[in-house]
Structure formats: C-alpha cells, structure tokens
Protein backbone atom coordinates (compact mmCIF):
# COMPACT_ATOMS: atom_id res chain seq x y z
CA MET A 1 -43.03 17.38 6.59
CA LEU A 2 -42.36 14.48 4.13
CA GLN A 3 -41.02 16.65 1.44
CA LYS A 4 -38.05 18.21 4.28
CA ARG A 5 -34.86 17.33 3.54
CA TRP A 6 -34.03 17.11 7.26
CA PHE A 7 -36.83 14.39 7.63
CA GLN A 8 -35.73 12.47 4.62
CA VAL A 9 -32.18 12.34 5.86
CA ILE A 10 -33.31 10.70 9.23
CA ILE A 11 -35.66 8.22 7.10
CA VAL A 12 -32.65 7.30 5.11
CA GLY A 13 -30.65 7.11 8.77
CA ILE A 14 -33.18 4.35 10.14
CA LEU A 15 -33.49 2.52 6.92
CA LEU A 16 -29.53 2.21 6.45
CA SER A 17 -29.64 1.11 9.88
CA LEU A 18 -32.25 -1.42 9.99
CA LEU A 19 -30.71 -2.79 6.79
CA ILE A 20 -27.20 -3.19 8.25
CA LEU A 21 -29.05 -5.02 11.31
CA LEU A 22 -30.64 -7.48 8.89
CA LEU A 23 -27.04 -7.99 7.47
CA HIS A 24 -25.57 -8.57 10.87
CA GLU A 25 -28.46 -11.28 11.81
CA ILE A 26 -28.08 -13.46 8.34
CA GLN A 27 -24.37 -12.83 8.30
CA PHE A 28 -24.48 -16.73 8.37
CA PHE A 29 -25.80 -16.70 4.80
CA PHE A 30 -22.79 -15.01 3.58
CA ASP A 31 -20.24 -16.93 4.86
CA PRO A 32 -19.22 -19.27 1.99
CA PHE A 33 -19.08 -16.05 -0.04
CA LEU A 34 -16.90 -14.17 2.03
CA THR A 35 -14.67 -17.48 2.23
CA TYR A 36 -14.72 -17.78 -1.70
CA ALA A 37 -13.90 -13.73 -1.88
CA GLY A 38 -11.23 -14.21 0.49
CA ALA A 39 -9.60 -17.38 -1.39
CA ILE A 40 -9.35 -15.32 -4.86
CA ALA A 41 -8.38 -12.01 -3.05
CA LEU A 42 -4.81 -12.14 -3.22
CA PRO A 43 -4.32 -13.51 -6.88
CA PHE A 44 -7.19 -11.15 -7.96
CA ILE A 45 -5.76 -8.02 -6.23
CA GLY A 46 -2.01 -9.17 -7.54
CA GLY A 47 -3.38 -9.78 -11.08
CA GLY A 48 -5.25 -6.19 -11.11
CA ILE A 49 -2.05 -4.51 -10.26
CA LEU A 50 -0.06 -6.06 -12.60
CA PHE A 51 -2.60 -5.65 -15.47
CA TYR A 52 -2.42 -1.93 -14.92
CA ILE A 53 1.37 -2.28 -15.11
CA SER A 54 1.37 -4.37 -17.73
CA ARG A 55 -1.51 -3.11 -20.40
CA PRO A 56 0.55 0.12 -21.20
CA VAL A 57 3.59 -2.15 -22.65
CA MET A 58 0.82 -4.36 -24.06
CA HIS A 59 -1.50 -1.45 -25.68
CA LEU A 60 2.44 -0.12 -27.11
CA LEU A 61 3.05 -3.17 -28.60
CA GLU A 62 -0.59 -3.69 -30.15
CA HIS A 63 0.26 -0.09 -31.78
CA TYR A 64 2.90 -1.36 -33.79
CA LYS A 65 0.75 -4.03 -35.02
CA ILE A 66 1.95 -7.32 -33.01
CA PRO A 67 -1.21 -9.51 -32.15
CA ARG A 68 -2.56 -9.02 -28.45
CA LEU A 69 -1.65 -12.79 -27.64
CA LEU A 70 1.97 -11.98 -28.91
CA SER A 71 2.06 -9.00 -26.96
CA ILE A 72 0.41 -10.73 -23.92
CA LEU A 73 3.67 -13.35 -24.37
CA THR A 74 6.01 -10.52 -24.78
CA VAL A 75 4.72 -9.05 -21.14
CA PHE A 76 5.22 -12.29 -19.72
CA ILE A 77 8.76 -12.63 -20.92
CA LEU A 78 9.34 -9.72 -19.84
CA TYR A 79 8.14 -10.36 -16.53
CA ILE A 80 10.21 -13.36 -16.35
CA LEU A 81 13.38 -11.67 -17.33
CA ALA A 82 12.44 -8.82 -14.63
CA GLY A 83 12.20 -11.77 -12.05
CA PHE A 84 15.61 -13.60 -12.85
CA PHE A 85 17.18 -10.14 -12.74
CA ILE A 86 15.77 -9.94 -9.17
CA VAL A 87 16.82 -13.64 -8.06
CA GLN A 88 20.04 -13.36 -9.81
CA PHE A 89 21.44 -10.05 -8.76
CA ILE A 90 19.72 -8.26 -6.04
CA ALA A 91 17.62 -11.09 -3.77
CA PRO A 92 21.19 -12.36 -2.77
CA ILE A 93 22.49 -9.28 -1.39
CA ALA A 94 19.25 -8.51 0.26
CA GLN A 95 19.15 -11.93 1.66
CA GLN A 96 22.35 -11.47 3.19
CA GLN A 97 22.44 -7.96 4.54
CA PHE A 98 18.71 -8.79 6.26
CA THR A 99 20.67 -11.74 7.40
CA ARG A 100 23.40 -9.94 9.43
CA LEU A 101 20.57 -7.09 10.66
CA VAL A 102 18.78 -10.23 11.82
CA GLU A 103 21.74 -11.50 13.94
CA ASN A 104 22.36 -7.92 14.89
CA ILE A 105 18.86 -7.26 16.54
CA PRO A 106 19.96 -8.56 20.28
CA ARG A 107 23.15 -6.98 20.42
CA MET A 108 21.52 -3.81 19.24
CA GLY A 109 19.33 -4.14 22.15
CA ASP A 110 22.01 -4.45 24.13
CA MET A 111 23.73 -1.36 23.58
CA ILE A 112 20.24 0.53 23.94
CA GLY A 113 20.09 -0.84 27.61
CA GLU A 114 23.80 -0.21 28.57
CA THR A 115 23.16 3.20 27.13
CA ILE A 116 20.13 4.05 29.02
CA THR A 117 21.30 2.31 32.07
CA TYR A 118 24.94 4.39 31.81
CA TRP A 119 22.62 7.27 31.56
CA GLN A 120 20.58 6.77 34.72
CA GLN A 121 23.51 5.67 37.08
CA ASN A 122 24.97 9.01 36.07
CA GLN A 123 21.70 11.34 36.78
CA ASP A 124 20.98 12.00 40.55
CA ILE A 125 18.28 14.33 40.09
CA ILE A 126 15.74 12.30 37.94
CA PRO A 127 12.98 11.59 39.88
CA SER A 128 12.13 7.70 40.78
CA GLN A 129 9.04 7.76 39.06
CA PHE A 130 10.45 8.50 35.60
CA ASN A 131 13.18 5.98 36.36
CA ASP A 132 10.65 3.31 37.13
CA ALA A 133 8.65 4.17 33.73
CA LEU A 134 12.21 4.24 31.99
CA ASN A 135 13.22 1.10 33.44
CA GLY A 136 9.71 -0.33 32.11
CA VAL A 137 10.31 0.67 28.41
CA VAL A 138 13.55 -1.01 28.61
CA ASP A 139 12.28 -4.14 29.46
CA ASN A 140 9.81 -4.16 27.34
CA LEU A 141 12.54 -3.14 24.42
CA GLN A 142 14.75 -5.99 25.36
CA SER A 143 12.42 -8.46 25.19
CA SER A 144 10.49 -7.12 21.80
CA LEU A 145 14.01 -7.08 20.03
CA ASP A 146 15.01 -10.78 21.52
CA ALA A 147 12.06 -11.77 20.37
CA ALA A 148 11.76 -10.09 16.96
CA PRO A 149 14.18 -12.83 14.76
CA GLY A 150 11.25 -15.27 16.30
CA VAL A 151 8.31 -12.67 14.68
CA ILE A 152 10.43 -12.21 11.99
CA ILE A 153 10.80 -16.10 10.85
CA ASP A 154 6.66 -16.18 11.91
CA VAL A 155 5.86 -13.59 9.34
CA ILE A 156 8.52 -15.07 6.51
CA SER A 157 6.48 -18.69 7.65
CA GLN A 158 3.14 -17.29 6.77
CA PHE A 159 4.41 -15.43 3.46
CA VAL A 160 4.95 -18.99 2.61
CA GLY A 161 1.71 -19.66 2.58
CA PHE A 162 0.82 -16.88 0.07
CA VAL A 163 2.98 -18.42 -2.11
CA PHE A 164 -0.11 -21.27 -3.88
CA ALA A 165 -2.29 -17.88 -3.93
CA LEU A 166 0.54 -16.81 -5.90
CA VAL A 167 0.71 -19.20 -8.48
CA LEU A 168 -2.44 -18.10 -9.28
CA ILE A 169 -1.97 -14.27 -10.23
CA PRO A 170 -0.16 -15.00 -14.29
CA PHE A 171 -3.67 -17.10 -14.96
CA PHE A 172 -5.88 -13.78 -13.78
CA LEU A 173 -3.10 -11.53 -15.24
CA PHE A 174 -3.56 -13.35 -18.56
CA PHE A 175 -7.65 -13.35 -18.77
CA MET A 176 -7.32 -9.97 -17.65
CA LEU A 177 -5.08 -8.61 -20.40
CA LYS A 178 -6.59 -11.02 -22.80
CA ASP A 179 -10.51 -10.29 -22.21
CA GLY A 180 -10.70 -7.35 -19.98
CA HIS A 181 -11.82 -4.98 -22.35
CA LYS A 182 -14.61 -7.15 -22.90
CA LEU A 183 -16.54 -6.70 -19.27
CA VAL A 184 -17.97 -3.52 -19.81
CA PRO A 185 -19.23 -4.39 -23.24
CA PHE A 186 -20.69 -7.69 -21.75
CA LEU A 187 -22.78 -5.99 -18.83
CA LYS A 188 -24.25 -3.22 -20.79
CA GLN A 189 -26.00 -5.45 -23.18
CA PHE A 190 -28.33 -6.08 -19.75
CA MET A 191 -29.10 -2.36 -19.36
CA ASN A 192 -31.39 0.17 -20.64
CA LYS A 193 -29.71 2.68 -22.90
CA ARG A 194 -29.56 5.59 -20.36
CA VAL A 195 -28.51 2.96 -17.60
CA ALA A 196 -25.65 1.41 -19.79
CA ALA A 197 -24.01 5.22 -21.06
CA SER A 198 -24.27 5.95 -17.09
CA PHE A 199 -22.37 2.52 -16.22
CA GLU A 200 -19.53 2.82 -18.99
CA LYS A 201 -18.67 6.47 -17.50
CA LEU A 202 -18.43 5.13 -14.34
CA ALA A 203 -16.52 2.19 -15.77
CA LYS A 204 -14.08 4.61 -17.22
CA SER A 205 -13.63 6.76 -14.06
CA LEU A 206 -12.93 3.75 -11.83
CA ASP A 207 -10.35 3.04 -14.30
CA HIS A 208 -8.82 5.60 -14.49
CA THR A 209 -8.70 6.51 -10.76
CA LEU A 210 -7.26 2.76 -10.36
CA ASN A 211 -4.84 3.35 -12.89
CA SER A 212 -3.68 6.55 -11.34
CA PHE A 213 -3.12 5.47 -7.83
CA ILE A 214 -1.66 2.61 -8.62
CA ILE A 215 0.65 3.37 -11.45
CA GLY A 216 1.57 6.35 -9.41
CA GLN A 217 2.05 5.08 -6.18
CA LEU A 218 4.66 2.26 -7.78
CA THR A 219 6.43 5.18 -9.59
CA VAL A 220 6.84 7.13 -6.79
CA SER A 221 7.76 4.15 -4.37
CA VAL A 222 10.23 2.85 -6.95
CA PHE A 223 12.10 6.36 -7.28
CA VAL A 224 12.34 6.94 -3.93
CA GLY A 225 13.66 3.51 -3.00
CA LEU A 226 16.67 4.12 -5.97
CA ILE A 227 17.00 7.89 -4.39
CA LEU A 228 18.03 6.54 -0.86
CA LEU A 229 19.75 3.45 -2.25
CA VAL A 230 22.08 6.09 -4.02
CA GLY A 231 22.28 7.85 -0.50
CA TYR A 232 22.70 5.29 1.90
CA LEU A 233 25.80 3.91 -0.65
CA ILE A 234 27.35 7.63 -0.53
CA ILE A 235 27.14 7.44 2.87
CA GLY A 236 28.43 3.72 3.43
CA LEU A 237 25.43 3.04 5.53
CA GLU A 238 25.43 -0.74 6.25
CA TYR A 239 22.14 -3.11 5.13
CA SER A 240 21.88 -0.20 2.12
CA LEU A 241 20.15 -2.44 -0.17
CA THR A 242 18.07 -4.15 2.57
CA LEU A 243 17.03 -0.66 3.92
CA ALA A 244 16.31 0.76 0.74
CA LEU A 245 13.77 -2.43 -0.09
CA PHE A 246 11.79 -1.75 3.15
CA ALA A 247 11.41 1.74 2.13
CA MET A 248 10.50 1.35 -1.39
CA LEU A 249 7.84 -0.99 0.10
CA MET A 250 6.63 1.56 2.92
CA ASN A 251 6.09 4.14 0.53
CA VAL A 252 3.07 2.14 -0.89
CA ILE A 253 1.45 3.40 1.68
CA PRO A 254 0.70 6.87 0.95
CA PHE A 255 1.63 9.99 3.28
CA VAL A 256 2.62 7.72 6.31
CA GLY A 257 4.90 5.69 4.36
CA PRO A 258 7.78 7.74 4.08
CA PHE A 259 8.19 8.09 8.11
CA LEU A 260 7.84 4.32 8.44
CA ALA A 261 10.31 3.92 6.08
CA VAL A 262 12.89 6.28 7.77
CA ILE A 263 13.09 4.65 11.35
CA PRO A 264 15.09 1.60 10.35
CA ALA A 265 17.48 3.18 8.92
CA VAL A 266 17.74 6.05 11.88
CA LEU A 267 18.21 3.10 13.89
CA VAL A 268 20.92 1.68 11.96
CA ALA A 269 22.95 4.67 11.36
CA LEU A 270 22.62 5.23 15.11
CA PHE A 271 24.31 2.48 15.66
CA GLN A 272 26.68 2.43 13.27
CA GLU A 273 27.88 5.87 13.95
CA PRO A 274 25.50 8.61 15.47
CA ILE A 275 26.18 11.81 12.90
CA MET A 276 25.03 8.93 10.15
CA ALA A 277 21.76 9.09 11.36
CA VAL A 278 21.79 13.49 10.30
CA TYR A 279 22.73 12.12 6.91
CA VAL A 280 19.92 9.78 6.48
CA ILE A 281 17.20 11.89 7.80
CA ILE A 282 18.82 14.73 4.97
CA ILE A 283 18.52 11.91 2.50
CA MET A 284 15.18 11.47 3.06
CA ILE A 285 13.99 14.84 3.01
CA VAL A 286 15.86 15.31 -0.21
CA ALA A 287 14.22 12.49 -1.54
CA GLN A 288 10.82 13.47 -0.49
CA GLN A 289 10.97 16.77 -1.55
CA ILE A 290 11.93 15.90 -4.76
CA GLU A 291 9.20 13.01 -4.98
CA GLY A 292 6.35 15.84 -3.76
CA ASN A 293 7.61 18.80 -6.13
CA LEU A 294 8.40 16.80 -9.05
CA VAL A 295 7.23 12.91 -9.38
CA SER A 296 4.42 13.02 -7.55
CA PRO A 297 2.57 16.27 -9.53
CA ASN A 298 3.93 14.95 -12.85
CA VAL A 299 2.58 10.96 -12.53
CA MET A 300 -0.72 11.30 -10.35
CA GLY A 301 -1.87 14.64 -10.84
CA LYS A 302 -4.77 15.40 -9.63
CA ALA A 303 -6.83 12.47 -10.27
CA LEU A 304 -7.59 11.69 -6.36
CA SER A 305 -7.79 15.09 -5.05
CA ILE A 306 -7.54 13.63 -1.79
CA HIS A 307 -7.02 15.95 1.16
CA PRO A 308 -4.27 15.32 3.32
CA LEU A 309 -6.23 15.71 6.31
CA THR A 310 -8.49 12.79 4.95
CA ILE A 311 -5.31 10.54 4.47
CA ILE A 312 -4.17 10.86 7.73
CA THR A 313 -7.48 10.25 9.09
CA ILE A 314 -8.30 7.62 6.69
CA ILE A 315 -4.96 5.42 7.23
CA LEU A 316 -5.37 5.82 11.42
CA ALA A 317 -8.75 4.04 11.21
CA ALA A 318 -7.84 1.54 8.69
CA GLY A 319 -4.47 0.47 10.49
CA SER A 320 -6.31 0.31 13.42
CA LEU A 321 -9.23 -1.61 12.45
CA ALA A 322 -6.60 -3.72 9.68
CA GLY A 323 -3.25 -3.61 10.38
CA PHE A 324 -1.05 -3.48 7.55
CA LEU A 325 -3.30 -4.21 4.63
CA GLY A 326 -5.55 -1.83 6.17
CA LEU A 327 -2.92 0.94 5.64
CA LEU A 328 -1.99 -0.98 2.20
CA PHE A 329 -5.84 -0.88 0.97
CA ALA A 330 -7.51 2.00 2.73
CA ILE A 331 -6.86 4.96 0.66
CA PRO A 332 -7.71 3.05 -3.06
CA VAL A 333 -10.73 1.60 -1.68
CA TYR A 334 -11.35 5.36 -0.49
CA ALA A 335 -11.02 6.43 -4.05
CA VAL A 336 -13.10 4.16 -5.60
CA VAL A 337 -16.03 4.74 -2.98
CA LYS A 338 -15.27 8.44 -3.48
CA THR A 339 -15.36 7.89 -7.52
CA VAL A 340 -18.64 6.07 -7.60
CA ILE A 341 -20.42 8.33 -4.59
CA SER A 342 -19.07 11.42 -7.20
CA HIS A 343 -20.73 9.73 -10.07
CA PHE A 344 -23.86 9.12 -9.07
CA TYR A 345 -24.37 12.90 -7.27
CA GLU A 346 -23.06 14.16 -10.86
CA GLU A 347 -26.08 12.05 -12.23
CA TRP A 348 -28.45 13.09 -9.54
CA GLN A 349 -27.56 16.88 -10.48
CA ALA A 350 -27.63 16.43 -13.92
CA ARG A 351 -31.09 14.97 -14.00
CA LYS A 352 -32.42 17.87 -11.55
CA ALA A 353 -30.97 20.35 -13.68
CA ALA A 354 -32.87 18.93 -16.69
CA HIS A 355 -36.63 18.57 -14.58
CA ASP A 356 -36.02 22.34 -13.46
C-alpha cells in the first residue's frame, strides 16, 4: 500500500497541512522578517521592473563597446530626461483635467439622481419594491459620489507616504544593472554540479518569464493608452489625457484591465453627450482588437501560456484577498510559481526516464 499513488498523495497532503499549521503557530517568529520584507518590497519591485526595462538599453550600449558603468549612467540620464518631459509637458495638463473631473463628480451625481427621479415619476407600472430598491441605489450612489473627492485626496495622501520608499528605487536599480549577472554564479558555487546546472536553468526560465510579462504588459499598456488618447482627442472627449492615462494604468492588469479602463470614459461621455459613449466603446474595441491580434502575440508571444479562464479565476481570487495590489501582482506571481513547478516536474520526468 505504501507504493500506491493515492496513498502517497494523502501522506503529502497531511504533511503539508501539518506544515501550514506549524507555520501558523510560530508566526511570531517570522514577524521581523515580514516587516523587513515589507519595508524593501516597494523599492525592490520598482527596481526590478525598471531593471527589465533598462537592461536591453544597457546591453545595446555595451554592444557598441561602451563600458557598463557608463551605460548605466546613460540609462539614468534617459530616465531623468523622460521624467523632465513628463513633469514639464504631460503632468500639468493631466493635473488640470483631473482637478476639473473631481470638481464635476458631485454635479454628475446630481444629474444621475435627477434622471432616475424623472424616470420614476413618469413610470406608473413600476412595482413599489423595484422603486424602493432603486431609491436605495440612488442614495448610495449619491453618497459615494459626494465622498469621492475625499477618498481621492485620501489616496493621494497615502501615495505621498510611498515617496520615501521610491527614493530607494534608483539605488536598487543601479546595483541590479551593475551586479545582477553575478547573482547566479555566486549562488552556484555553493551547489554541486548537478544542482548548479538545474538552478541555472531555473534562473534562466524565471528571468525569461518575468522579462516577457513585464516588458509585454508595459508595451501593451502604453500602446493601448496612446490609441485611446488619439481616439478620445478625435471625438473631443473631455479629460482625454487623464482618462487615457487611467486606461494605461488599468491595462497593466491582465484580461480585466481593459474593462475597468473604459468605465470612467463611458461615464464622462454620457454626461458630455450620450452618443459619445458609443464612440468611446468603439474606440476601446478597436484598440483591444489591434492589441490582441498584433501587439500581444508579437511582444509576449506564448511565453506565459496561461489560459484565459485561469487568469479570470486568479484575478477574482487575488482581488478579493488583496485588492488592487492583488490584481496587479497575481498573474506574475502565478507565472513564476508555474515556471518553478514546471521546472521541477520536468527534472523529475527526466530522472524517471533515465532510471527506466
């Protein structure tokens, strides 16, 4: 019976459950490590994202015999120039549009309430239960819209707290670019030959997965944002730059991002001129079709190989457990875990075949 697969699975399940229970009981032991990890999480993740964006530029410069330190310095200069361009030309317009949008939110709420009230007064066949439910929705919507400016200011205040952590990102980025290639050889020296070869293969797979996801998602987001901005400007949609930037941010979230991105634009279009909401939806559909058929296949390819249903399930679970951060990091974490499991499964299959 000990050799039966089902019995081994049960034993593994029991051991994993006991391990989880033990870790829960000694959670206090890990609190200092979790606090330290939380403190460096933002600069580490931010530096890692910029690392994958910067590395191709650094390698290109090194290809032309430019020393690594000078290549890194050039990368930082390019970031400074990009930041200057954003602050000088994009940020002021986006800030003005964002301020006007926030100021108009209460007025939009009043218009929604007046429209629904007018509709109710002119409908005699609506059941009273439906009216009561609709009134409750209107009241909740109005209170939410009235509180929206305060919530937005609250979010901005919390964002300021992250600025201190953001200051560390350039330092993380510098050392990742300078010494990142030394990490795997350094760790390999503590392993035997077989384990070192397996570890190097796993490291390359993880690097390929993260590079494909980060570069792919950022490229897709920028592309969709630019398409939407051009489309919004053509139809004359108000707050076009702010709405396009919001769409660019939302498109970082796989699969559900495009649907979240279009909601504010459709609402703004409805208040500006109802027919414009149709134009906004058409622009979004065109952008997504171009992205889905041309950009994503060529940029991301089949590197992640994640089924859409799996993406939906992961995002729903991650959003419920961790909010926006869960939506943002669920798919790359899943891709990394999948890469690790696939690597060890392939190693196990190879060893099994060698013994047969």
